[in-house]
Amino acid sequence: MDETTAETAARLRRAVTRLNRKLRGTAPHGVSPGQASMLASIAKLENPSLGDLALAEHIQPPSVTRLVRDMQRQGLITCTLDTEDRRCTRVSLTVVGRRELDTIRKKKAEFIERKLLTLSFADQRRAREAATFLENLLDER
């Protein structure tokens, strides 16, 4: 019997969730998974406000404030007042934060690469096709 669309969706969700958990565990020990995610959001959004980060991370503003304060103490980010709206705080990566994000991304890619190298050539081709499929599914190409 063929799998229903709902069953396929559930399988995809479980697989992506499990992969994400594995990847989150590859971050260096000095950075929490939440901080690693925040570093990526800051890099992607380029000088976001705290409100922008709350939306991007799907967390409440007080949680953003705590994460930002801790990350600032670690030297990963800097905070500045918006030049047009002095009530608004903007966040950017420091050199240390950029280096940390690059390391995290490298470790995650290496984890997946090690897994891919254990596969047959046919399965590696299927993995490339799956990556293309997921990119298309998310319209991120």
C-alpha atoms as a PDB file:
ATOM      1  CA  MET A   1       0.000   0.000   0.000  1.00  0.00           C
ATOM      2  CA  ASP A   2       1.278   3.470  -0.897  1.00  0.00           C
ATOM      3  CA  GLU A   3       2.008   6.023   1.759  1.00  0.00           C
ATOM      4  CA  THR A   4      -0.419   8.932   2.064  1.00  0.00           C
ATOM      5  CA  THR A   5       0.726  12.533   1.720  1.00  0.00           C
ATOM      6  CA  ALA A   6       0.098  13.016   5.443  1.00  0.00           C
ATOM      7  CA  GLU A   7       2.282  10.005   6.268  1.00  0.00           C
ATOM      8  CA  THR A   8       5.059  11.285   4.006  1.00  0.00           C
ATOM      9  CA  ALA A   9       4.814  14.706   5.641  1.00  0.00           C
ATOM     10  CA  ALA A  10       5.081  13.127   9.090  1.00  0.00           C
ATOM     11  CA  ARG A  11       8.133  11.087   8.049  1.00  0.00           C
ATOM     12  CA  LEU A  12       9.827  14.173   6.601  1.00  0.00           C
ATOM     13  CA  ARG A  13       9.098  16.157   9.756  1.00  0.00           C
ATOM     14  CA  ARG A  14      10.545  13.430  11.981  1.00  0.00           C
ATOM     15  CA  ALA A  15      13.657  13.015   9.829  1.00  0.00           C
ATOM     16  CA  VAL A  16      14.328  16.755   9.613  1.00  0.00           C
ATOM     17  CA  THR A  17      13.742  17.166  13.353  1.00  0.00           C
ATOM     18  CA  ARG A  18      16.153  14.323  14.179  1.00  0.00           C
ATOM     19  CA  LEU A  19      18.786  15.706  11.808  1.00  0.00           C
ATOM     20  CA  ASN A  20      18.402  19.168  13.323  1.00  0.00           C
ATOM     21  CA  ARG A  21      18.904  17.751  16.829  1.00  0.00           C
ATOM     22  CA  LYS A  22      22.080  15.988  15.696  1.00  0.00           C
ATOM     23  CA  LEU A  23      23.375  19.149  14.046  1.00  0.00           C
ATOM     24  CA  ARG A  24      22.569  21.319  17.055  1.00  0.00           C
ATOM     25  CA  GLY A  25      24.724  18.992  19.129  1.00  0.00           C
ATOM     26  CA  THR A  26      27.766  19.671  16.947  1.00  0.00           C
ATOM     27  CA  ALA A  27      28.132  23.304  18.089  1.00  0.00           C
ATOM     28  CA  PRO A  28      31.277  24.101  20.090  1.00  0.00           C
ATOM     29  CA  HIS A  29      30.889  23.758  23.858  1.00  0.00           C
ATOM     30  CA  GLY A  30      31.135  27.484  24.612  1.00  0.00           C
ATOM     31  CA  VAL A  31      27.988  28.296  22.629  1.00  0.00           C
ATOM     32  CA  SER A  32      24.509  26.999  23.410  1.00  0.00           C
ATOM     33  CA  PRO A  33      22.246  25.791  20.593  1.00  0.00           C
ATOM     34  CA  GLY A  34      20.099  28.906  21.131  1.00  0.00           C
ATOM     35  CA  GLN A  35      23.137  31.152  20.831  1.00  0.00           C
ATOM     36  CA  ALA A  36      24.280  29.329  17.691  1.00  0.00           C
ATOM     37  CA  SER A  37      20.859  29.873  16.136  1.00  0.00           C
ATOM     38  CA  MET A  38      20.919  33.523  17.168  1.00  0.00           C
ATOM     39  CA  LEU A  39      24.367  34.016  15.601  1.00  0.00           C
ATOM     40  CA  ALA A  40      23.015  32.648  12.309  1.00  0.00           C
ATOM     41  CA  SER A  41      19.969  34.924  12.473  1.00  0.00           C
ATOM     42  CA  ILE A  42      22.119  37.985  13.180  1.00  0.00           C
ATOM     43  CA  ALA A  43      24.346  37.147  10.207  1.00  0.00           C
ATOM     44  CA  LYS A  44      21.367  36.572   7.926  1.00  0.00           C
ATOM     45  CA  LEU A  45      19.436  39.683   8.971  1.00  0.00           C
ATOM     46  CA  GLU A  46      22.496  41.989   9.032  1.00  0.00           C
ATOM     47  CA  ASN A  47      22.245  44.379  11.973  1.00  0.00           C
ATOM     48  CA  PRO A  48      18.781  43.351  13.217  1.00  0.00           C
ATOM     49  CA  SER A  49      16.857  44.902  16.059  1.00  0.00           C
ATOM     50  CA  LEU A  50      15.972  42.859  19.135  1.00  0.00           C
ATOM     51  CA  GLY A  51      12.407  42.674  17.814  1.00  0.00           C
ATOM     52  CA  ASP A  52      13.649  41.344  14.466  1.00  0.00           C
ATOM     53  CA  LEU A  53      15.533  38.620  16.346  1.00  0.00           C
ATOM     54  CA  ALA A  54      12.493  37.681  18.430  1.00  0.00           C
ATOM     55  CA  LEU A  55      10.489  37.196  15.228  1.00  0.00           C
ATOM     56  CA  ALA A  56      13.261  35.309  13.427  1.00  0.00           C
ATOM     57  CA  GLU A  57      13.922  33.001  16.369  1.00  0.00           C
ATOM     58  CA  HIS A  58      10.240  32.574  17.299  1.00  0.00           C
ATOM     59  CA  ILE A  59      10.943  33.491  20.914  1.00  0.00           C
ATOM     60  CA  GLN A  60       9.684  36.150  23.300  1.00  0.00           C
ATOM     61  CA  PRO A  61      11.541  39.483  23.620  1.00  0.00           C
ATOM     62  CA  PRO A  62      12.717  38.781  27.214  1.00  0.00           C
ATOM     63  CA  SER A  63      14.418  35.611  25.958  1.00  0.00           C
ATOM     64  CA  VAL A  64      16.130  37.590  23.208  1.00  0.00           C
ATOM     65  CA  THR A  65      17.319  40.134  25.768  1.00  0.00           C
ATOM     66  CA  ARG A  66      18.841  37.387  27.941  1.00  0.00           C
ATOM     67  CA  LEU A  67      20.552  35.688  24.990  1.00  0.00           C
ATOM     68  CA  VAL A  68      21.879  38.995  23.659  1.00  0.00           C
ATOM     69  CA  ARG A  69      23.207  40.011  27.073  1.00  0.00           C
ATOM     70  CA  ASP A  70      25.029  36.678  27.480  1.00  0.00           C
ATOM     71  CA  MET A  71      26.397  36.755  23.938  1.00  0.00           C
ATOM     72  CA  GLN A  72      27.589  40.320  24.384  1.00  0.00           C
ATOM     73  CA  ARG A  73      29.422  39.277  27.566  1.00  0.00           C
ATOM     74  CA  GLN A  74      31.096  36.471  25.601  1.00  0.00           C
ATOM     75  CA  GLY A  75      32.252  38.969  22.983  1.00  0.00           C
ATOM     76  CA  LEU A  76      30.195  37.344  20.208  1.00  0.00           C
ATOM     77  CA  ILE A  77      28.074  40.391  19.382  1.00  0.00           C
ATOM     78  CA  THR A  78      27.903  44.134  19.854  1.00  0.00           C
ATOM     79  CA  CYS A  79      24.819  46.221  20.494  1.00  0.00           C
ATOM     80  CA  THR A  80      24.349  49.792  19.304  1.00  0.00           C
ATOM     81  CA  LEU A  81      21.493  52.236  19.381  1.00  0.00           C
ATOM     82  CA  ASP A  82      19.737  52.765  16.068  1.00  0.00           C
ATOM     83  CA  THR A  83      20.852  56.064  14.535  1.00  0.00           C
ATOM     84  CA  GLU A  84      17.274  57.019  13.605  1.00  0.00           C
ATOM     85  CA  ASP A  85      15.395  55.602  16.597  1.00  0.00           C
ATOM     86  CA  ARG A  86      17.423  55.790  19.807  1.00  0.00           C
ATOM     87  CA  ARG A  87      14.907  53.477  21.544  1.00  0.00           C
ATOM     88  CA  CYS A  88      15.885  50.646  19.189  1.00  0.00           C
ATOM     89  CA  THR A  89      18.934  48.444  19.787  1.00  0.00           C
ATOM     90  CA  ARG A  90      20.729  46.928  16.799  1.00  0.00           C
ATOM     91  CA  VAL A  91      22.864  43.805  17.044  1.00  0.00           C
ATOM     92  CA  SER A  92      25.869  42.787  14.962  1.00  0.00           C
ATOM     93  CA  LEU A  93      28.463  40.044  15.051  1.00  0.00           C
ATOM     94  CA  THR A  94      31.956  40.715  16.299  1.00  0.00           C
ATOM     95  CA  VAL A  95      34.985  39.116  14.676  1.00  0.00           C
ATOM     96  CA  VAL A  96      34.809  36.476  17.430  1.00  0.00           C
ATOM     97  CA  GLY A  97      31.104  35.898  16.752  1.00  0.00           C
ATOM     98  CA  ARG A  98      31.675  35.580  12.993  1.00  0.00           C
ATOM     99  CA  ARG A  99      34.518  33.111  13.630  1.00  0.00           C
ATOM    100  CA  GLU A 100      32.319  31.104  16.008  1.00  0.00           C
ATOM    101  CA  LEU A 101      29.486  30.979  13.457  1.00  0.00           C
ATOM    102  CA  ASP A 102      31.908  29.865  10.735  1.00  0.00           C
ATOM    103  CA  THR A 103      33.224  27.119  13.037  1.00  0.00           C
ATOM    104  CA  ILE A 104      29.698  25.947  13.878  1.00  0.00           C
ATOM    105  CA  ARG A 105      28.726  25.804  10.204  1.00  0.00           C
ATOM    106  CA  LYS A 106      31.938  23.972   9.336  1.00  0.00           C
ATOM    107  CA  LYS A 107      31.391  21.377  12.080  1.00  0.00           C
ATOM    108  CA  LYS A 108      27.803  20.785  10.934  1.00  0.00           C
ATOM    109  CA  ALA A 109      28.880  20.369   7.303  1.00  0.00           C
ATOM    110  CA  GLU A 110      31.680  17.998   8.358  1.00  0.00           C
ATOM    111  CA  PHE A 111      29.197  15.901  10.347  1.00  0.00           C
ATOM    112  CA  ILE A 112      26.962  15.503   7.296  1.00  0.00           C
ATOM    113  CA  GLU A 113      29.933  14.913   5.008  1.00  0.00           C
ATOM    114  CA  ARG A 114      31.172  12.064   7.241  1.00  0.00           C
ATOM    115  CA  LYS A 115      27.710  10.490   7.042  1.00  0.00           C
ATOM    116  CA  LEU A 116      27.560  10.932   3.254  1.00  0.00           C
ATOM    117  CA  LEU A 117      30.976   9.310   2.787  1.00  0.00           C
ATOM    118  CA  THR A 118      29.636   6.098   4.334  1.00  0.00           C
ATOM    119  CA  LEU A 119      26.966   5.842   1.619  1.00  0.00           C
ATOM    120  CA  SER A 120      27.140   4.132  -1.744  1.00  0.00           C
ATOM    121  CA  PHE A 121      27.490   6.320  -4.835  1.00  0.00           C
ATOM    122  CA  ALA A 122      23.819   5.691  -5.615  1.00  0.00           C
ATOM    123  CA  ASP A 123      22.775   6.819  -2.132  1.00  0.00           C
ATOM    124  CA  GLN A 124      25.042   9.879  -2.372  1.00  0.00           C
ATOM    125  CA  ARG A 125      23.242  10.780  -5.620  1.00  0.00           C
ATOM    126  CA  ARG A 126      19.906  10.327  -3.827  1.00  0.00           C
ATOM    127  CA  ALA A 127      21.178  12.618  -1.051  1.00  0.00           C
ATOM    128  CA  ARG A 128      21.961  15.320  -3.641  1.00  0.00           C
ATOM    129  CA  GLU A 129      18.477  14.863  -5.079  1.00  0.00           C
ATOM    130  CA  ALA A 130      16.974  15.049  -1.573  1.00  0.00           C
ATOM    131  CA  ALA A 131      18.878  18.286  -0.897  1.00  0.00           C
ATOM    132  CA  THR A 132      17.512  19.770  -4.120  1.00  0.00           C
ATOM    133  CA  PHE A 133      14.022  18.569  -3.217  1.00  0.00           C
ATOM    134  CA  LEU A 134      14.175  20.160   0.247  1.00  0.00           C
ATOM    135  CA  GLU A 135      15.531  23.431  -1.171  1.00  0.00           C
ATOM    136  CA  ASN A 136      12.676  23.504  -3.681  1.00  0.00           C
ATOM    137  CA  LEU A 137      10.143  22.579  -1.013  1.00  0.00           C
ATOM    138  CA  LEU A 138      11.288  25.531   1.062  1.00  0.00           C
ATOM    139  CA  ASP A 139      11.809  27.851  -1.929  1.00  0.00           C
ATOM    140  CA  GLU A 140      15.357  28.569  -0.720  1.00  0.00           C
ATOM    141  CA  ARG A 141      17.276  28.105  -3.940  1.00  0.00           C
END
